[in-house]
Amino acid sequence: MAGRLELVDNWDQRAKEALFRASILASACRVSRRNLEKFIRRRFGESPHIWMVRLRMAHAALGYAAAQLDAKAESYANVAQVSLDAFDACGAHGLARLADGVEK
């Protein structure tokens, strides 16, 4: 089972498609929820729930930031803060991958 999970390279996108729910993600990956949990703990160092909450927060922050780009100049400070919060929540690598998926 772990071998199949090792082949997945777009975990952030998979989590988004699974509506950030471990049971749906496990089903999509064709593994048990327990096997997915073990894999995520080993790969990302935290429970699937915490990992998906971080991804969901980062994704929401990026969506908010993208929506605010046409707003008044005062909003840019808020966008910058939200982006920094997302960076802290997700890390540079994860945030960069999420940013690729934000529609422009």
C-alpha atoms as a PDB file:
ATOM      1  CA  MET A   1       0.000   0.000   0.000  1.00  0.00           C
ATOM      2  CA  ALA A   2       2.706   2.477   0.919  1.00  0.00           C
ATOM      3  CA  GLY A   3       4.352   1.890  -2.462  1.00  0.00           C
ATOM      4  CA  ARG A   4       1.289   3.214  -4.255  1.00  0.00           C
ATOM      5  CA  LEU A   5       1.188   6.251  -1.988  1.00  0.00           C
ATOM      6  CA  GLU A   6       4.876   6.968  -2.588  1.00  0.00           C
ATOM      7  CA  LEU A   7       4.093   7.503  -6.281  1.00  0.00           C
ATOM      8  CA  VAL A   8       1.703  10.383  -5.589  1.00  0.00           C
ATOM      9  CA  ASP A   9       3.476  13.727  -5.982  1.00  0.00           C
ATOM     10  CA  ASN A  10       0.588  16.205  -5.922  1.00  0.00           C
ATOM     11  CA  TRP A  11      -0.713  15.720  -2.387  1.00  0.00           C
ATOM     12  CA  ASP A  12      -1.970  19.276  -1.999  1.00  0.00           C
ATOM     13  CA  GLN A  13      -4.123  18.965  -5.126  1.00  0.00           C
ATOM     14  CA  ARG A  14      -5.365  15.525  -4.081  1.00  0.00           C
ATOM     15  CA  ALA A  15      -6.365  16.878  -0.665  1.00  0.00           C
ATOM     16  CA  LYS A  16      -8.250  19.763  -2.293  1.00  0.00           C
ATOM     17  CA  GLU A  17     -10.107  17.378  -4.624  1.00  0.00           C
ATOM     18  CA  ALA A  18     -11.006  15.258  -1.573  1.00  0.00           C
ATOM     19  CA  LEU A  19     -12.519  18.361   0.061  1.00  0.00           C
ATOM     20  CA  PHE A  20      -9.760  18.164   2.682  1.00  0.00           C
ATOM     21  CA  ARG A  21     -11.282  14.993   4.178  1.00  0.00           C
ATOM     22  CA  ALA A  22      -9.094  12.008   4.997  1.00  0.00           C
ATOM     23  CA  SER A  23     -11.797   9.425   4.287  1.00  0.00           C
ATOM     24  CA  ILE A  24     -12.386  10.788   0.776  1.00  0.00           C
ATOM     25  CA  LEU A  25      -8.636  11.059   0.121  1.00  0.00           C
ATOM     26  CA  ALA A  26      -8.077   7.469   1.267  1.00  0.00           C
ATOM     27  CA  SER A  27     -10.852   6.263  -1.018  1.00  0.00           C
ATOM     28  CA  ALA A  28      -9.442   8.222  -3.967  1.00  0.00           C
ATOM     29  CA  CYS A  29      -6.006   6.682  -3.342  1.00  0.00           C
ATOM     30  CA  ARG A  30      -7.576   3.228  -2.974  1.00  0.00           C
ATOM     31  CA  VAL A  31      -6.111   2.600   0.459  1.00  0.00           C
ATOM     32  CA  SER A  32      -7.594   2.277   3.912  1.00  0.00           C
ATOM     33  CA  ARG A  33      -7.881   5.369   6.032  1.00  0.00           C
ATOM     34  CA  ARG A  34      -5.463   3.813   8.532  1.00  0.00           C
ATOM     35  CA  ASN A  35      -2.808   3.214   5.845  1.00  0.00           C
ATOM     36  CA  LEU A  36      -3.239   6.781   4.611  1.00  0.00           C
ATOM     37  CA  GLU A  37      -2.897   8.084   8.157  1.00  0.00           C
ATOM     38  CA  LYS A  38       0.340   6.151   8.711  1.00  0.00           C
ATOM     39  CA  PHE A  39       1.729   7.381   5.409  1.00  0.00           C
ATOM     40  CA  ILE A  40       0.858  11.040   6.026  1.00  0.00           C
ATOM     41  CA  ARG A  41       2.323  10.918   9.536  1.00  0.00           C
ATOM     42  CA  ARG A  42       5.532   9.466   8.143  1.00  0.00           C
ATOM     43  CA  ARG A  43       5.725  11.781   5.108  1.00  0.00           C
ATOM     44  CA  PHE A  44       4.527  15.089   6.579  1.00  0.00           C
ATOM     45  CA  GLY A  45       5.156  14.547  10.288  1.00  0.00           C
ATOM     46  CA  GLU A  46       1.617  15.240  11.468  1.00  0.00           C
ATOM     47  CA  SER A  47      -1.840  13.720  11.488  1.00  0.00           C
ATOM     48  CA  PRO A  48      -3.911  13.861   8.298  1.00  0.00           C
ATOM     49  CA  HIS A  49      -6.380  16.168  10.017  1.00  0.00           C
ATOM     50  CA  ILE A  50      -3.755  18.761  11.022  1.00  0.00           C
ATOM     51  CA  TRP A  51      -2.021  18.491   7.644  1.00  0.00           C
ATOM     52  CA  MET A  52      -5.290  19.076   5.779  1.00  0.00           C
ATOM     53  CA  VAL A  53      -6.287  21.965   8.040  1.00  0.00           C
ATOM     54  CA  ARG A  54      -2.974  23.640   7.187  1.00  0.00           C
ATOM     55  CA  LEU A  55      -3.513  23.065   3.474  1.00  0.00           C
ATOM     56  CA  ARG A  56      -7.094  24.321   3.650  1.00  0.00           C
ATOM     57  CA  MET A  57      -5.987  27.476   5.479  1.00  0.00           C
ATOM     58  CA  ALA A  58      -3.206  28.147   2.988  1.00  0.00           C
ATOM     59  CA  HIS A  59      -5.519  27.557   0.044  1.00  0.00           C
ATOM     60  CA  ALA A  60      -8.131  29.904   1.500  1.00  0.00           C
ATOM     61  CA  ALA A  61      -5.506  32.569   2.174  1.00  0.00           C
ATOM     62  CA  LEU A  62      -4.244  32.389  -1.390  1.00  0.00           C
ATOM     63  CA  GLY A  63      -7.768  32.587  -2.756  1.00  0.00           C
ATOM     64  CA  TYR A  64      -8.458  35.615  -0.591  1.00  0.00           C
ATOM     65  CA  ALA A  65      -5.201  37.250  -1.641  1.00  0.00           C
ATOM     66  CA  ALA A  66      -5.940  36.668  -5.320  1.00  0.00           C
ATOM     67  CA  ALA A  67      -9.430  38.133  -4.916  1.00  0.00           C
ATOM     68  CA  GLN A  68      -8.044  41.258  -3.239  1.00  0.00           C
ATOM     69  CA  LEU A  69      -5.515  42.146  -5.943  1.00  0.00           C
ATOM     70  CA  ASP A  70      -7.960  44.571  -7.542  1.00  0.00           C
ATOM     71  CA  ALA A  71      -8.990  46.126  -4.217  1.00  0.00           C
ATOM     72  CA  LYS A  72      -7.896  49.445  -2.757  1.00  0.00           C
ATOM     73  CA  ALA A  73      -4.276  50.002  -1.781  1.00  0.00           C
ATOM     74  CA  GLU A  74      -5.139  49.704   1.941  1.00  0.00           C
ATOM     75  CA  SER A  75      -6.109  46.079   1.352  1.00  0.00           C
ATOM     76  CA  TYR A  76      -2.622  45.153   0.207  1.00  0.00           C
ATOM     77  CA  ALA A  77      -1.340  45.153   3.785  1.00  0.00           C
ATOM     78  CA  ASN A  78      -4.044  42.658   4.710  1.00  0.00           C
ATOM     79  CA  VAL A  79      -3.244  40.521   1.674  1.00  0.00           C
ATOM     80  CA  ALA A  80       0.426  40.538   2.607  1.00  0.00           C
ATOM     81  CA  GLN A  81      -0.383  39.467   6.173  1.00  0.00           C
ATOM     82  CA  VAL A  82      -2.683  36.677   4.996  1.00  0.00           C
ATOM     83  CA  SER A  83       0.001  35.493   2.586  1.00  0.00           C
ATOM     84  CA  LEU A  84       2.588  35.437   5.353  1.00  0.00           C
ATOM     85  CA  ASP A  85       0.189  33.506   7.577  1.00  0.00           C
ATOM     86  CA  ALA A  86      -0.336  30.984   4.780  1.00  0.00           C
ATOM     87  CA  PHE A  87       3.413  30.710   4.310  1.00  0.00           C
ATOM     88  CA  ASP A  88       3.830  29.992   8.020  1.00  0.00           C
ATOM     89  CA  ALA A  89       1.021  27.432   7.948  1.00  0.00           C
ATOM     90  CA  CYS A  90       2.127  25.569   4.853  1.00  0.00           C
ATOM     91  CA  GLY A  91       5.815  26.251   4.351  1.00  0.00           C
ATOM     92  CA  ALA A  92       7.518  27.566   1.251  1.00  0.00           C
ATOM     93  CA  HIS A  93       7.303  24.384  -0.817  1.00  0.00           C
ATOM     94  CA  GLY A  94       3.618  23.739  -0.156  1.00  0.00           C
ATOM     95  CA  LEU A  95       2.643  27.364  -0.625  1.00  0.00           C
ATOM     96  CA  ALA A  96       4.411  27.574  -3.973  1.00  0.00           C
ATOM     97  CA  ARG A  97       2.561  24.487  -5.178  1.00  0.00           C
ATOM     98  CA  LEU A  98      -0.755  25.896  -3.989  1.00  0.00           C
ATOM     99  CA  ALA A  99      -0.077  29.238  -5.653  1.00  0.00           C
ATOM    100  CA  ASP A 100       0.264  27.478  -9.001  1.00  0.00           C
ATOM    101  CA  GLY A 101      -3.367  26.419  -8.727  1.00  0.00           C
ATOM    102  CA  VAL A 102      -4.830  29.872  -8.011  1.00  0.00           C
ATOM    103  CA  GLU A 103      -6.705  31.177 -11.028  1.00  0.00           C
ATOM    104  CA  LYS A 104      -5.570  34.554 -12.303  1.00  0.00           C
END
